[in-house]
Amino acid sequence: MKSYYDALFYDEAGARRYFNFVKDHAVGNTLLEFACGTGDVLNMLAPTFAVTGIDIDPEMIEQVPVKFPHLADKVSVGDFLDYSSDQKFDTVACIGDSTNYILTPEDLQRFITTMVGVSDHIIVDCHHPYRLREFSDDYYEEGSTDAFDYAYQIEVNGEHLVHVINFLDGTFDSIYQWVFDPHILIDGFSAQGYHVSVYTDYEHEGFLPEGEKIVLVATKETV
């Protein structure tokens, strides 16, 4: 995403929650993580699985060997909308609401096509639709990191969350996320012959009325 990502957004407890869920629900030995960022969850998974990490942002990938030298040859720059591999992975994961950076139905379908193309066992999350209600009155915080001061705001614009970062030095950045209906993913994987299990916030089975994340575990059904 951006060079400030770890300083502003890294959450160790959240990363460990992602790790625990993936570790408990992954199958086999080989594991591909899309949108691996700077490698925190990938590093946690590496002792258990033969991992591969892909991220679209070169700045993110450049940070992986700095933080985790043993992962240097395990990561590369790539786009989960058109990624292909000669290898079929036992599990593919895409977590941390990375799917919500997809902004069109056409690209969401491309994502589904990519996922089913690389693995018969898929773990993916997305924002719960309740997030639009949660942030309907906007969210605002101010703070400091070791490198910069900031003001951070989340606004709702239709079906989108708009993240605005003010670095309090005259510079800004903004990030858009589409809070799509998770049933698009559920129905898309089901149409490809996958059985889909649904969880809310990584802890509760089923699609609860409120929550932060919807998590799917999709497994190719055998005839």
Protein backbone atom coordinates (compact mmCIF):
# COMPACT_ATOMS: atom_id res chain seq x y z
CA MET A 1 0.00 0.00 0.00
CA LYS A 2 2.23 2.80 1.23
CA SER A 3 5.51 3.14 3.13
CA TYR A 4 3.61 4.26 6.23
CA TYR A 5 1.45 1.13 6.43
CA ASP A 6 3.23 -0.70 9.25
CA ALA A 7 3.64 2.41 11.38
CA LEU A 8 -0.01 3.37 11.12
CA PHE A 9 -1.99 0.16 10.66
CA TYR A 10 -0.01 -2.80 12.01
CA ASP A 11 -1.93 -4.57 14.77
CA GLU A 12 -0.08 -7.50 16.33
CA ALA A 13 -3.20 -8.91 17.98
CA GLY A 14 -5.08 -8.71 14.68
CA ALA A 15 -2.23 -10.36 12.79
CA ARG A 16 -2.16 -13.20 15.30
CA ARG A 17 -5.93 -13.64 14.98
CA TYR A 18 -5.54 -13.94 11.20
CA PHE A 19 -2.66 -16.39 11.67
CA ASN A 20 -4.56 -18.60 14.10
CA PHE A 21 -7.58 -18.84 11.82
CA VAL A 22 -5.55 -19.61 8.70
CA LYS A 23 -3.39 -22.15 10.54
CA ASP A 24 -6.49 -23.90 11.91
CA HIS A 25 -8.37 -23.96 8.58
CA ALA A 26 -5.61 -24.44 6.00
CA VAL A 27 -4.98 -27.86 4.49
CA GLY A 28 -1.90 -29.53 3.07
CA ASN A 29 1.63 -28.15 2.97
CA THR A 30 1.85 -25.40 0.35
CA LEU A 31 0.18 -22.07 1.12
CA LEU A 32 -0.10 -18.95 -1.03
CA GLU A 33 -0.98 -15.65 0.65
CA PHE A 34 -2.29 -12.88 -1.58
CA ALA A 35 -1.86 -9.29 -0.34
CA CYS A 36 0.84 -10.48 2.06
CA GLY A 37 1.92 -6.90 2.80
CA THR A 38 5.22 -6.71 4.64
CA GLY A 39 5.03 -10.37 5.63
CA ASP A 40 3.88 -10.49 9.24
CA VAL A 41 1.28 -13.24 8.88
CA LEU A 42 3.38 -15.05 6.27
CA ASN A 43 6.23 -15.16 8.78
CA MET A 44 3.96 -16.70 11.41
CA LEU A 45 2.81 -19.34 8.93
CA ALA A 46 6.29 -20.17 7.60
CA PRO A 47 7.23 -22.71 10.32
CA THR A 48 4.14 -24.78 9.50
CA PHE A 49 3.69 -24.37 5.73
CA ALA A 50 5.76 -23.97 2.58
CA VAL A 51 4.70 -20.37 2.03
CA THR A 52 4.57 -18.05 -0.96
CA GLY A 53 3.58 -14.39 -0.65
CA ILE A 54 2.29 -12.04 -3.34
CA ASP A 55 1.55 -8.32 -3.04
CA ILE A 56 0.82 -5.69 -5.67
CA ASP A 57 2.85 -3.00 -3.90
CA PRO A 58 6.62 -3.15 -4.55
CA GLU A 59 7.29 -1.06 -1.42
CA MET A 60 5.58 -3.71 0.68
CA ILE A 61 7.54 -6.55 -0.90
CA GLU A 62 10.82 -4.65 -0.48
CA GLN A 63 10.20 -4.54 3.27
CA VAL A 64 9.69 -8.30 3.66
CA PRO A 65 13.38 -9.35 3.50
CA VAL A 66 14.29 -6.39 5.73
CA LYS A 67 11.94 -7.64 8.43
CA PHE A 68 12.20 -11.36 7.72
CA PRO A 69 15.37 -12.29 5.77
CA HIS A 70 14.37 -15.96 5.56
CA LEU A 71 11.34 -14.97 3.45
CA ALA A 72 13.38 -13.11 0.81
CA ASP A 73 12.94 -15.80 -1.84
CA LYS A 74 9.33 -16.54 -0.85
CA VAL A 75 7.71 -13.26 -1.92
CA SER A 76 7.23 -11.33 -5.15
CA VAL A 77 5.21 -8.53 -6.67
CA GLY A 78 1.96 -9.65 -8.29
CA ASP A 79 -1.70 -8.80 -8.76
CA PHE A 80 -4.38 -11.12 -7.39
CA LEU A 81 -6.67 -10.08 -10.24
CA ASP A 82 -4.57 -11.80 -12.89
CA TYR A 83 -2.07 -13.99 -11.05
CA SER A 84 -1.38 -17.43 -12.48
CA SER A 85 1.00 -20.19 -11.52
CA ASP A 86 2.04 -23.58 -12.80
CA GLN A 87 1.82 -24.71 -9.18
CA LYS A 88 -1.48 -25.67 -7.59
CA PHE A 89 -1.31 -24.64 -3.93
CA ASP A 90 -2.91 -26.69 -1.18
CA THR A 91 -4.36 -23.51 0.35
CA VAL A 92 -4.68 -19.91 -0.81
CA ALA A 93 -5.49 -17.12 1.66
CA CYS A 94 -6.37 -13.46 1.22
CA ILE A 95 -7.13 -11.75 4.53
CA GLY A 96 -7.14 -8.38 6.27
CA ASP A 97 -10.04 -7.03 4.14
CA SER A 98 -7.72 -6.87 1.13
CA THR A 99 -10.63 -7.86 -1.12
CA ASN A 100 -12.33 -4.57 -0.30
CA TYR A 101 -9.71 -2.68 -2.32
CA ILE A 102 -11.42 -4.23 -5.34
CA LEU A 103 -13.76 -1.54 -6.62
CA THR A 104 -15.87 -3.11 -9.40
CA PRO A 105 -18.03 -6.25 -9.79
CA GLU A 106 -15.98 -7.21 -12.85
CA ASP A 107 -12.73 -7.17 -10.89
CA LEU A 108 -14.33 -9.08 -8.02
CA GLN A 109 -15.23 -11.82 -10.51
CA ARG A 110 -11.63 -11.77 -11.77
CA PHE A 111 -10.50 -12.28 -8.17
CA ILE A 112 -12.78 -15.31 -7.80
CA THR A 113 -11.39 -16.73 -11.05
CA THR A 114 -7.83 -16.26 -9.80
CA MET A 115 -8.53 -17.91 -6.46
CA VAL A 116 -10.16 -21.03 -7.89
CA GLY A 117 -7.37 -21.25 -10.44
CA VAL A 118 -4.59 -21.56 -7.86
CA SER A 119 -6.17 -23.75 -5.16
CA ASP A 120 -9.03 -26.06 -4.26
CA HIS A 121 -9.03 -24.67 -0.71
CA ILE A 122 -9.62 -20.94 -0.20
CA ILE A 123 -9.60 -18.72 2.90
CA VAL A 124 -10.73 -15.14 2.32
CA ASP A 125 -12.27 -12.33 4.32
CA CYS A 126 -14.03 -9.05 3.58
CA HIS A 127 -15.72 -6.25 5.46
CA HIS A 128 -19.06 -7.06 7.06
CA PRO A 129 -21.76 -4.82 5.52
CA TYR A 130 -22.41 -3.53 9.03
CA ARG A 131 -19.22 -1.48 8.69
CA LEU A 132 -21.14 1.05 6.60
CA ARG A 133 -23.51 1.63 9.52
CA GLU A 134 -20.68 1.58 12.04
CA PHE A 135 -18.85 4.42 10.27
CA SER A 136 -21.95 6.34 9.15
CA ASP A 137 -21.10 9.11 11.64
CA ASP A 138 -17.45 9.05 10.51
CA TYR A 139 -14.41 8.01 12.53
CA TYR A 140 -11.59 10.33 13.56
CA GLU A 141 -8.37 9.94 15.51
CA GLU A 142 -5.11 11.82 15.93
CA GLY A 143 -1.82 10.31 16.94
CA SER A 144 1.92 10.03 16.50
CA THR A 145 4.33 7.34 15.35
CA ASP A 146 8.11 7.35 15.64
CA ALA A 147 8.25 8.85 12.14
CA PHE A 148 5.28 11.21 11.82
CA ASP A 149 2.17 12.78 13.33
CA TYR A 150 -1.18 12.10 11.73
CA ALA A 151 -4.92 12.58 11.73
CA TYR A 152 -6.91 9.61 10.43
CA GLN A 153 -10.54 9.72 9.33
CA ILE A 154 -12.93 7.14 7.87
CA GLU A 155 -15.94 8.42 5.95
CA VAL A 156 -18.80 6.58 4.24
CA ASN A 157 -19.54 7.40 0.61
CA GLY A 158 -22.35 5.17 -0.65
CA GLU A 159 -21.01 1.60 -0.57
CA HIS A 160 -17.46 2.78 0.03
CA LEU A 161 -15.27 3.51 3.01
CA VAL A 162 -12.91 6.42 2.37
CA HIS A 163 -9.81 6.42 4.57
CA VAL A 164 -8.17 9.86 4.73
CA ILE A 165 -4.73 10.24 6.30
CA ASN A 166 -3.54 13.77 7.07
CA PHE A 167 0.17 13.84 7.91
CA LEU A 168 -0.21 17.31 9.45
CA ASP A 169 2.56 18.67 7.24
CA GLY A 170 0.41 19.70 4.30
CA THR A 171 0.31 16.21 2.74
CA PHE A 172 -2.61 13.81 2.58
CA ASP A 173 -3.42 10.35 1.31
CA SER A 174 -6.75 8.62 0.72
CA ILE A 175 -7.71 4.98 0.31
CA TYR A 176 -11.02 3.67 -1.01
CA GLN A 177 -12.64 0.36 -0.08
CA TRP A 178 -15.81 -1.08 -1.59
CA VAL A 179 -17.98 -2.74 1.06
CA PHE A 180 -19.62 -5.22 -1.28
CA ASP A 181 -22.21 -7.84 -0.36
CA PRO A 182 -20.21 -10.92 0.80
CA HIS A 183 -22.78 -13.11 -0.95
CA ILE A 184 -21.08 -12.13 -4.21
CA LEU A 185 -18.07 -14.14 -3.06
CA ILE A 186 -20.17 -16.90 -1.50
CA ASP A 187 -22.24 -17.35 -4.65
CA GLY A 188 -19.21 -16.99 -6.90
CA PHE A 189 -17.26 -19.76 -5.19
CA SER A 190 -20.36 -21.95 -4.95
CA ALA A 191 -20.92 -21.58 -8.70
CA GLN A 192 -17.39 -22.92 -9.22
CA GLY A 193 -18.21 -26.08 -7.27
CA TYR A 194 -16.90 -25.06 -3.85
CA HIS A 195 -18.55 -25.72 -0.51
CA VAL A 196 -18.41 -22.45 1.44
CA SER A 197 -18.37 -22.17 5.24
CA VAL A 198 -19.07 -18.71 6.64
CA TYR A 199 -17.74 -17.11 9.83
CA THR A 200 -18.18 -13.70 11.43
CA ASP A 201 -15.13 -12.01 12.95
CA TYR A 202 -13.07 -15.20 12.75
CA GLU A 203 -14.78 -16.56 15.86
CA HIS A 204 -18.47 -17.17 15.19
CA GLU A 205 -19.94 -19.61 12.70
CA GLY A 206 -22.48 -18.15 10.31
CA PHE A 207 -23.31 -14.71 8.95
CA LEU A 208 -24.26 -12.67 12.02
CA PRO A 209 -26.23 -9.41 11.66
CA GLU A 210 -23.36 -7.30 13.01
CA GLY A 211 -19.61 -7.63 12.85
CA GLU A 212 -16.37 -6.35 11.37
CA LYS A 213 -15.36 -9.20 9.07
CA ILE A 214 -17.01 -11.99 7.13
CA VAL A 215 -14.62 -14.91 6.65
CA LEU A 216 -15.10 -17.67 4.09
CA VAL A 217 -13.51 -21.10 3.88
CA ALA A 218 -14.26 -22.55 0.45
CA THR A 219 -13.33 -26.11 -0.49
CA LYS A 220 -13.70 -27.70 -3.92
CA GLU A 221 -16.32 -30.41 -3.74
CA THR A 222 -15.37 -33.80 -5.15
CA VAL A 223 -17.82 -35.85 -7.16
